[in-house]
Amino acid sequence: MQLTQKRNIAGALAMASCSLINPNAQATDLNEIVKSDDWKVDAAIMYYGEQDRVQAAEVIGNVQKSFGDNSLLDMKLVVDSLTGASASGAVAQDSSQTFTRPSGNGEYTVNAGETPLDDTFHDTRVQLSANWMEVLNPDWTVNVGLNGSTEFDYLSLGLNAGIERSFNKNNTIVALSGAFTQDTIDAVGGRPVALSEMALRAKYDTEAAFQAAFDDTRQSGTDDKQTFDLMLGVTQNINRYWLMQANYGLSNVSGYMTDPYKVLSQVDSSGTAQAYRYENRPEDRLKHSVFLMAKGALDSGVVDFSYRYSTDDWDISSHTLETHYRYYLSPQFYAQIHLRYYQQQAANFYQPFLLADEPLPEFASADYRIGDMSAYTVGLKFGQRLSGGHELSYRLEYYQQAPENNGTELIGQLNQFELFPEVKAIVAQVSYSF
């Protein structure tokens, strides 16, 4: 199972399901919720499908229960199933290529001219989270929470806490929050030795010789990763119709961040693959992000515009522009359009392939998701308000990602192939709130 791919897909799914409940709800939202002791339930079924690649189905359930006027319990369950194929990192060739599966049991072959896709991508993930919010007084609100998720080769446990302070008759809210996450990685077949050469059965006379070579490329036991997140935010009501929000985020990640299922092709001067080597990434990463949003109530709907800038010490920087516009067709029906554009600069150790006549670098990855890229999302959502405060909604989105060459000179036969193919996906969701 591709760990980084799963993190990426899980993140895409989480972003796609954000219409259920906003985990960063401000104190004003909490005050509205805790006015009633009723239960509030949001449920959704979502499908995410990439063309000829990853497919995912997800069930989401969110339950809120208020206790008096000051307390709120929020619980969420997510179950998703992922399958399909993802790019291994190897480059296309003018002849077929055979790769050893991550477990060492079996192999798969890719036809000439095709992007190598690893079809071992499949798993079921279960995620649980709970959060308690408390209004201490009209000015102060606090929250604490915990979360956990498990899958075949990955376990994640986390804690979070936050505090909010209201000023200026609740027109200004300052929020500070933090989180800690501990991840444990138990890669199928064991974690590869950094930049070791993939053992291929065709090169060995016996199964025992192959198995010994495969074992030499593996490390025993699990590894882990720790993430500390900190966010400072300010929300300001501009007037009766508009508000603005600004957040600064700091994230420090340390531990195992290599994807144990990704490889790089090592090619000669003609562009012909001589070997495949497992990637290696640094074990420390410091990220900064700035988020700005404006949200306004119009005569017939609601609109928001946002911009996010992110950068880190891997030299990955990104810009995200996003907008939603909800138009009320009637008091009971609405339509909402979603537009998003994303642009990213590659990590300093990203390279689409290795050269056989050059020394191996300390770090290298051909994972296109940390390379230069741009992407856009176009989506449409319809919602219907039912009796009793219930709501039914439908959402359909199209996503297209365009990886780009980071300036690497293509050599020999590599010029014949599309080494940076586009990734296209559909997201469909049905939600019901009651």
Protein backbone atom coordinates (compact mmCIF):
# COMPACT_ATOMS: atom_id res chain seq x y z
CA MET A 1 0.00 0.00 0.00
CA GLN A 2 1.44 3.38 -1.02
CA LEU A 3 1.66 5.38 2.21
CA THR A 4 2.26 8.82 0.78
CA GLN A 5 -0.33 8.17 -1.90
CA LYS A 6 -2.82 7.25 0.81
CA ARG A 7 -2.00 10.39 2.76
CA ASN A 8 -2.54 12.38 -0.42
CA ILE A 9 -5.81 10.69 -1.32
CA ALA A 10 -7.06 10.86 2.25
CA GLY A 11 -6.28 14.55 2.23
CA ALA A 12 -8.17 15.01 -1.03
CA LEU A 13 -11.14 13.17 0.41
CA ALA A 14 -11.06 15.20 3.60
CA MET A 15 -10.99 18.41 1.57
CA ALA A 16 -13.79 17.12 -0.62
CA SER A 17 -15.95 16.34 2.42
CA CYS A 18 -15.43 19.71 4.12
CA SER A 19 -19.04 20.66 3.50
CA LEU A 20 -20.15 18.32 6.30
CA ILE A 21 -18.77 20.08 9.36
CA ASN A 22 -16.05 22.73 9.52
CA PRO A 23 -13.60 21.59 12.23
CA ASN A 24 -12.33 25.14 12.57
CA ALA A 25 -15.72 26.58 13.50
CA GLN A 26 -15.45 29.89 15.30
CA ALA A 27 -16.98 30.69 18.66
CA THR A 28 -19.92 32.44 17.05
CA ASP A 29 -20.84 29.17 15.28
CA LEU A 30 -20.58 27.29 18.56
CA ASN A 31 -22.88 29.74 20.30
CA GLU A 32 -25.52 29.06 17.66
CA ILE A 33 -25.17 25.29 17.98
CA VAL A 34 -25.34 25.07 21.77
CA LYS A 35 -28.64 26.90 21.99
CA SER A 36 -30.37 23.53 21.61
CA ASP A 37 -29.85 20.18 23.34
CA ASP A 38 -30.85 18.31 20.17
CA TRP A 39 -28.56 15.94 18.34
CA LYS A 40 -27.27 17.03 14.96
CA VAL A 41 -26.20 14.35 12.47
CA ASP A 42 -24.45 14.72 9.12
CA ALA A 43 -23.91 11.70 6.89
CA ALA A 44 -22.36 11.40 3.45
CA ILE A 45 -21.27 8.88 0.85
CA MET A 46 -18.47 9.94 -1.45
CA TYR A 47 -16.73 8.52 -4.51
CA TYR A 48 -13.30 9.64 -5.74
CA GLY A 49 -12.06 8.20 -9.02
CA GLU A 50 -8.94 8.92 -11.04
CA GLN A 51 -8.87 7.97 -14.69
CA ASP A 52 -7.17 4.53 -14.93
CA ARG A 53 -5.69 4.97 -11.45
CA VAL A 54 -6.91 5.26 -7.85
CA GLN A 55 -10.54 4.65 -6.92
CA ALA A 56 -11.92 5.42 -3.47
CA ALA A 57 -15.29 5.08 -1.75
CA GLU A 58 -15.90 6.81 1.56
CA VAL A 59 -18.64 6.85 4.19
CA ILE A 60 -18.65 9.81 6.57
CA GLY A 61 -20.68 10.28 9.72
CA ASN A 62 -20.58 13.33 11.99
CA VAL A 63 -22.58 13.67 15.22
CA GLN A 64 -22.89 16.74 17.43
CA LYS A 65 -24.56 16.91 20.84
CA SER A 66 -24.88 20.06 22.91
CA PHE A 67 -25.11 20.04 26.68
CA GLY A 68 -26.81 23.14 27.97
CA ASP A 69 -25.77 26.48 26.57
CA ASN A 70 -22.01 26.14 26.86
CA SER A 71 -20.82 22.67 25.86
CA LEU A 72 -20.66 20.73 22.61
CA LEU A 73 -19.43 17.23 21.80
CA ASP A 74 -18.45 16.58 18.19
CA MET A 75 -17.69 13.02 16.99
CA LYS A 76 -16.77 11.85 13.51
CA LEU A 77 -16.33 8.45 11.84
CA VAL A 78 -14.81 7.96 8.40
CA VAL A 79 -14.48 4.62 6.63
CA ASP A 80 -12.95 4.51 3.19
CA SER A 81 -11.82 1.84 0.77
CA LEU A 82 -9.07 2.58 -1.73
CA THR A 83 -7.95 0.52 -4.68
CA GLY A 84 -6.44 0.87 -8.14
CA ALA A 85 -2.99 1.78 -9.40
CA SER A 86 -0.59 4.63 -8.72
CA ALA A 87 2.57 5.81 -10.46
CA SER A 88 5.61 4.01 -9.04
CA GLY A 89 8.04 6.77 -10.04
CA ALA A 90 9.80 4.77 -12.79
CA VAL A 91 9.88 6.23 -16.31
CA ALA A 92 8.32 4.78 -19.48
CA GLN A 93 10.55 2.79 -21.83
CA ASP A 94 10.46 1.56 -25.43
CA SER A 95 10.25 -2.04 -24.18
CA SER A 96 8.23 -3.72 -21.46
CA GLN A 97 9.44 -3.48 -17.85
CA THR A 98 9.07 -5.92 -14.96
CA PHE A 99 9.01 -4.83 -11.32
CA THR A 100 9.10 -6.74 -8.03
CA ARG A 101 6.07 -6.18 -5.83
CA PRO A 102 6.70 -4.42 -2.48
CA SER A 103 6.15 -7.65 -0.53
CA GLY A 104 8.72 -9.51 -2.62
CA ASN A 105 6.03 -12.04 -3.50
CA GLY A 106 5.39 -11.77 -7.20
CA GLU A 107 6.04 -9.17 -9.87
CA TYR A 108 4.15 -7.07 -12.40
CA THR A 109 4.92 -6.06 -15.98
CA VAL A 110 4.30 -2.71 -17.68
CA ASN A 111 3.91 -2.51 -21.46
CA ALA A 112 6.29 -0.52 -23.66
CA GLY A 113 5.55 3.20 -23.74
CA GLU A 114 3.28 3.13 -20.66
CA THR A 115 3.79 4.96 -17.38
CA PRO A 116 4.71 2.31 -14.76
CA LEU A 117 1.74 1.96 -12.40
CA ASP A 118 1.89 -0.16 -9.26
CA ASP A 119 -1.44 -1.98 -8.98
CA THR A 120 -0.88 -3.08 -5.34
CA PHE A 121 -2.69 0.04 -4.10
CA HIS A 122 -5.58 -1.19 -1.96
CA ASP A 123 -6.61 -0.80 1.66
CA THR A 124 -9.42 0.09 4.06
CA ARG A 125 -9.00 2.99 6.44
CA VAL A 126 -11.03 3.68 9.59
CA GLN A 127 -10.75 7.07 11.25
CA LEU A 128 -12.35 8.23 14.51
CA SER A 129 -12.22 11.66 16.11
CA ALA A 130 -13.88 13.39 19.07
CA ASN A 131 -13.77 17.04 20.09
CA TRP A 132 -15.16 18.86 23.14
CA MET A 133 -15.87 22.60 22.94
CA GLU A 134 -16.69 24.73 25.96
CA VAL A 135 -17.86 28.34 26.16
CA LEU A 136 -16.23 29.56 29.37
CA ASN A 137 -17.84 33.00 29.20
CA PRO A 138 -18.98 35.40 26.47
CA ASP A 139 -15.34 36.14 25.59
CA TRP A 140 -13.52 32.81 25.93
CA THR A 141 -14.00 29.42 24.25
CA VAL A 142 -11.76 26.36 24.51
CA ASN A 143 -11.70 22.99 22.77
CA VAL A 144 -9.80 19.72 23.14
CA GLY A 145 -9.88 16.65 20.95
CA LEU A 146 -8.30 13.40 19.94
CA ASN A 147 -8.25 11.36 16.76
CA GLY A 148 -6.97 8.09 15.42
CA SER A 149 -6.92 6.18 12.16
CA THR A 150 -5.76 2.73 11.20
CA GLU A 151 -5.08 0.82 8.03
CA PHE A 152 -3.09 -2.23 7.05
CA ASP A 153 0.35 -0.60 7.17
CA TYR A 154 -0.27 2.68 9.00
CA LEU A 155 -1.45 3.82 12.45
CA SER A 156 -2.01 7.46 13.35
CA LEU A 157 -2.92 8.90 16.78
CA GLY A 158 -3.34 12.57 17.57
CA LEU A 159 -4.29 15.19 20.15
CA ASN A 160 -5.39 18.79 19.60
CA ALA A 161 -6.43 21.80 21.66
CA GLY A 162 -7.41 25.38 21.00
CA ILE A 163 -8.53 28.61 22.62
CA GLU A 164 -10.50 31.56 21.23
CA ARG A 165 -10.90 35.10 22.56
CA SER A 166 -13.65 37.46 21.40
CA PHE A 167 -13.22 41.22 21.30
CA ASN A 168 -15.14 44.22 20.11
CA LYS A 169 -18.62 42.85 20.88
CA ASN A 170 -17.77 39.52 19.19
CA ASN A 171 -16.79 41.28 15.96
CA THR A 172 -13.17 40.16 16.38
CA ILE A 173 -12.06 36.64 17.28
CA VAL A 174 -8.46 35.58 17.89
CA ALA A 175 -7.82 31.83 17.91
CA LEU A 176 -4.75 29.79 18.84
CA SER A 177 -4.66 26.02 18.33
CA GLY A 178 -2.12 23.23 18.36
CA ALA A 179 -1.97 19.54 17.53
CA PHE A 180 0.39 16.60 17.90
CA THR A 181 0.24 13.46 15.75
CA GLN A 182 2.19 10.22 16.13
CA ASP A 183 2.29 7.96 13.07
CA THR A 184 3.62 4.41 12.92
CA ILE A 185 4.61 2.92 9.56
CA ASP A 186 4.75 -0.84 9.01
CA ALA A 187 5.49 -1.10 5.29
CA VAL A 188 4.52 -4.24 3.39
CA GLY A 189 7.69 -6.28 2.89
CA GLY A 190 9.64 -3.97 5.21
CA ARG A 191 11.07 -0.50 4.66
CA PRO A 192 13.55 -0.39 1.76
CA VAL A 193 17.15 0.57 2.39
CA ALA A 194 17.53 4.12 1.06
CA LEU A 195 18.37 4.19 -2.67
CA SER A 196 19.02 0.44 -2.74
CA GLU A 197 18.54 -1.34 -6.05
CA MET A 198 15.33 -3.30 -6.59
CA ALA A 199 15.99 -7.05 -6.72
CA LEU A 200 14.54 -8.61 -9.89
CA ARG A 201 13.90 -12.35 -10.18
CA ALA A 202 15.22 -12.53 -13.74
CA LYS A 203 18.72 -11.71 -12.50
CA TYR A 204 18.94 -14.72 -10.15
CA ASP A 205 19.19 -18.44 -10.87
CA THR A 206 17.23 -19.60 -7.80
CA GLU A 207 14.39 -18.35 -5.64
CA ALA A 208 16.67 -18.54 -2.61
CA ALA A 209 19.22 -16.25 -4.27
CA PHE A 210 16.51 -13.76 -5.18
CA GLN A 211 15.05 -13.81 -1.66
CA ALA A 212 18.47 -13.18 -0.14
CA ALA A 213 19.00 -10.20 -2.48
CA PHE A 214 15.52 -8.87 -1.70
CA ASP A 215 16.11 -9.18 2.06
CA ASP A 216 19.34 -7.18 1.70
CA THR A 217 17.26 -4.21 0.47
CA ARG A 218 14.94 -4.31 3.48
CA GLN A 219 14.97 -2.97 7.05
CA SER A 220 13.10 -4.86 9.74
CA GLY A 221 10.60 -3.39 12.19
CA THR A 222 8.39 -0.31 12.07
CA ASP A 223 9.29 3.36 11.91
CA ASP A 224 7.47 6.45 13.07
CA LYS A 225 6.81 10.11 12.38
CA GLN A 226 5.84 12.98 14.67
CA THR A 227 4.01 16.14 13.62
CA PHE A 228 3.55 19.32 15.67
CA ASP A 229 1.09 21.88 14.26
CA LEU A 230 0.41 25.40 15.49
CA MET A 231 -2.09 27.88 14.07
CA LEU A 232 -2.87 31.50 14.93
CA GLY A 233 -5.96 33.03 13.37
CA VAL A 234 -7.96 36.24 13.37
CA THR A 235 -11.56 36.60 12.18
CA GLN A 236 -12.99 40.09 11.73
CA ASN A 237 -16.56 41.14 10.93
CA ILE A 238 -16.22 44.04 8.50
CA ASN A 239 -19.91 44.94 8.45
CA ARG A 240 -23.29 43.21 8.49
CA TYR A 241 -22.51 41.39 5.26
CA TRP A 242 -18.78 40.68 5.14
CA LEU A 243 -16.12 39.07 7.29
CA MET A 244 -12.44 38.38 6.79
CA GLN A 245 -10.15 35.71 8.20
CA ALA A 246 -6.37 35.43 8.34
CA ASN A 247 -4.42 32.41 9.62
CA TYR A 248 -0.76 31.62 10.05
CA GLY A 249 0.25 27.97 10.35
CA LEU A 250 3.50 26.35 11.47
CA SER A 251 4.15 22.62 11.14
CA ASN A 252 7.21 20.66 12.20
CA VAL A 253 7.49 17.06 10.99
CA SER A 254 10.23 14.64 11.96
CA GLY A 255 10.75 10.94 11.33
CA TYR A 256 10.11 8.60 8.43
CA MET A 257 8.69 10.53 5.46
CA THR A 258 10.00 8.34 2.63
CA ASP A 259 7.36 6.50 0.61
CA PRO A 260 8.54 2.86 0.84
CA TYR A 261 6.71 1.95 -2.38
CA LYS A 262 8.20 4.59 -4.70
CA VAL A 263 11.22 4.08 -6.96
CA LEU A 264 13.39 5.97 -9.44
CA SER A 265 14.66 4.67 -12.76
CA GLN A 266 18.44 4.75 -13.13
CA VAL A 267 19.14 5.30 -16.83
CA ASP A 268 22.19 5.37 -19.11
CA SER A 269 23.07 8.02 -21.70
CA SER A 270 20.48 6.60 -24.12
CA GLY A 271 17.71 6.92 -21.54
CA THR A 272 17.47 3.14 -21.10
CA ALA A 273 16.74 1.93 -17.56
CA GLN A 274 19.63 0.00 -16.03
CA ALA A 275 18.13 -0.40 -12.55
CA TYR A 276 15.36 0.80 -10.24
CA ARG A 277 16.22 2.33 -6.87
CA TYR A 278 13.99 3.01 -3.87
CA GLU A 279 13.56 6.68 -3.03
CA ASN A 280 14.83 8.49 0.06
CA ARG A 281 13.52 11.69 1.64
CA PRO A 282 14.82 13.86 4.51
CA GLU A 283 13.60 13.06 8.04
CA ASP A 284 12.84 16.68 8.99
CA ARG A 285 10.48 19.18 7.47
CA LEU A 286 9.41 22.64 8.63
CA LYS A 287 6.37 24.16 6.92
CA HIS A 288 4.85 27.65 7.02
CA SER A 289 1.47 28.68 5.62
CA VAL A 290 -0.63 31.83 5.35
CA PHE A 291 -4.37 31.72 4.65
CA LEU A 292 -6.62 34.68 3.80
CA MET A 293 -10.37 34.54 3.24
CA ALA A 294 -13.22 36.98 2.65
CA LYS A 295 -16.84 35.82 2.98
CA GLY A 296 -19.93 37.81 2.19
CA ALA A 297 -23.70 37.58 2.28
CA LEU A 298 -25.31 38.77 -0.95
CA ASP A 299 -28.94 39.52 -1.72
CA SER A 300 -29.47 36.03 -3.14
CA GLY A 301 -26.62 33.95 -1.76
CA VAL A 302 -23.22 33.66 -0.10
CA VAL A 303 -19.75 33.97 -1.64
CA ASP A 304 -16.22 33.42 -0.36
CA PHE A 305 -12.74 33.97 -1.79
CA SER A 306 -9.56 32.56 -0.31
CA TYR A 307 -5.82 32.44 -0.93
CA ARG A 308 -3.27 30.15 0.69
CA TYR A 309 0.51 30.31 0.45
CA SER A 310 2.65 27.48 1.77
CA THR A 311 6.41 26.95 1.86
CA ASP A 312 8.83 24.59 3.58
CA ASP A 313 12.52 23.78 3.93
CA TRP A 314 12.23 21.14 1.19
CA ASP A 315 11.74 24.17 -1.11
CA ILE A 316 8.18 23.11 -1.91
CA SER A 317 6.08 26.24 -2.22
CA SER A 318 2.48 26.48 -3.34
CA HIS A 319 -0.29 28.96 -4.10
CA THR A 320 -3.99 28.12 -3.85
CA LEU A 321 -6.87 30.30 -5.05
CA GLU A 322 -10.39 29.14 -4.25
CA THR A 323 -13.96 30.43 -4.33
CA HIS A 324 -17.46 29.19 -3.56
CA TYR A 325 -20.65 30.93 -4.63
CA ARG A 326 -23.99 29.70 -3.29
CA TYR A 327 -27.10 31.00 -5.01
CA TYR A 328 -30.53 30.49 -3.45
CA LEU A 329 -32.94 29.50 -6.17
CA SER A 330 -35.77 29.56 -3.60
CA PRO A 331 -36.02 29.44 0.19
CA GLN A 332 -35.69 25.64 -0.04
CA PHE A 333 -33.22 25.12 -2.92
CA TYR A 334 -29.72 26.35 -3.61
CA ALA A 335 -26.96 25.78 -6.16
CA GLN A 336 -23.27 26.26 -5.40
CA ILE A 337 -20.27 26.54 -7.70
CA HIS A 338 -16.74 25.71 -6.55
CA LEU A 339 -13.56 26.81 -8.34
CA ARG A 340 -10.01 26.08 -7.20
CA TYR A 341 -6.57 26.61 -8.72
CA TYR A 342 -3.32 25.22 -7.29
CA GLN A 343 0.30 25.76 -8.33
CA GLN A 344 3.34 24.08 -6.77
CA GLN A 345 7.13 24.31 -7.00
CA ALA A 346 9.12 21.07 -6.73
CA ALA A 347 11.11 19.81 -3.75
CA ASN A 348 14.85 20.39 -3.97
CA PHE A 349 15.51 16.64 -4.11
CA TYR A 350 12.87 15.85 -6.74
CA GLN A 351 14.22 14.39 -9.99
CA PRO A 352 12.32 12.32 -12.56
CA PHE A 353 15.18 9.81 -12.94
CA LEU A 354 18.76 9.07 -11.89
CA LEU A 355 21.78 8.92 -14.22
CA ALA A 356 23.79 5.70 -14.06
CA ASP A 357 27.13 7.46 -14.58
CA GLU A 358 26.65 9.91 -11.69
CA PRO A 359 27.08 9.30 -7.94
CA LEU A 360 23.89 8.63 -6.00
CA PRO A 361 22.53 11.71 -4.18
CA GLU A 362 21.70 11.63 -0.47
CA PHE A 363 18.00 12.25 -1.15
CA ALA A 364 15.96 11.64 -4.29
CA SER A 365 12.34 11.05 -5.27
CA ALA A 366 10.54 10.86 -8.60
CA ASP A 367 7.10 11.19 -6.99
CA TYR A 368 5.30 13.68 -9.24
CA ARG A 369 3.24 14.94 -6.28
CA ILE A 370 6.30 16.71 -4.86
CA GLY A 371 7.34 17.98 -8.30
CA ASP A 372 6.33 21.07 -10.25
CA MET A 373 2.63 20.99 -10.98
CA SER A 374 -0.57 22.92 -11.42
CA ALA A 375 -4.11 21.73 -10.79
CA TYR A 376 -7.67 22.97 -10.92
CA THR A 377 -11.05 21.89 -9.58
CA VAL A 378 -14.50 22.76 -10.94
CA GLY A 379 -17.50 21.69 -8.94
CA LEU A 380 -21.25 22.07 -8.64
CA LYS A 381 -23.44 21.35 -5.63
CA PHE A 382 -27.22 21.35 -5.21
CA GLY A 383 -28.95 21.41 -1.85
CA GLN A 384 -32.53 21.12 -0.66
CA ARG A 385 -33.84 22.15 2.73
CA LEU A 386 -36.44 19.72 4.00
CA SER A 387 -38.97 19.90 6.81
CA GLY A 388 -37.74 19.67 10.37
CA GLY A 389 -34.45 21.39 9.58
CA HIS A 390 -33.16 18.49 7.46
CA GLU A 391 -31.04 19.02 4.34
CA LEU A 392 -30.18 16.86 1.33
CA SER A 393 -27.34 17.82 -1.02
CA TYR A 394 -25.55 16.46 -4.08
CA ARG A 395 -22.09 17.43 -5.24
CA LEU A 396 -20.07 16.65 -8.37
CA GLU A 397 -16.54 17.92 -9.02
CA TYR A 398 -13.89 17.50 -11.69
CA TYR A 399 -10.21 17.65 -10.76
CA GLN A 400 -7.25 17.81 -13.14
CA GLN A 401 -3.60 17.80 -12.15
CA ALA A 402 -0.83 18.70 -14.60
CA PRO A 403 2.68 17.64 -13.45
CA GLU A 404 5.51 19.53 -15.13
CA ASN A 405 9.19 19.01 -15.81
CA ASN A 406 11.29 20.82 -13.21
CA GLY A 407 13.92 21.67 -15.82
CA THR A 408 15.60 18.27 -16.05
CA GLU A 409 17.09 17.58 -19.49
CA LEU A 410 15.48 14.50 -21.05
CA ILE A 411 17.93 12.17 -22.76
CA GLY A 412 17.67 9.51 -25.47
CA GLN A 413 14.47 7.53 -25.67
CA LEU A 414 12.90 9.49 -22.78
CA ASN A 415 12.08 12.24 -25.28
CA GLN A 416 9.62 9.85 -26.99
CA PHE A 417 7.27 9.54 -24.01
CA GLU A 418 5.02 11.69 -21.90
CA LEU A 419 6.90 11.48 -18.59
CA PHE A 420 4.55 13.90 -16.85
CA PRO A 421 1.02 12.70 -17.71
CA GLU A 422 -2.03 14.53 -16.43
CA VAL A 423 -4.13 13.04 -13.63
CA LYS A 424 -7.89 13.47 -13.95
CA ALA A 425 -10.45 12.63 -11.28
CA ILE A 426 -14.15 12.86 -10.48
CA VAL A 427 -15.55 13.45 -6.97
CA ALA A 428 -19.23 12.69 -6.31
CA GLN A 429 -20.95 13.06 -2.95
CA VAL A 430 -24.43 12.72 -1.49
CA SER A 431 -25.01 14.23 1.96
CA TYR A 432 -27.91 14.25 4.39
CA SER A 433 -28.18 16.36 7.54
CA PHE A 434 -30.79 15.99 10.24
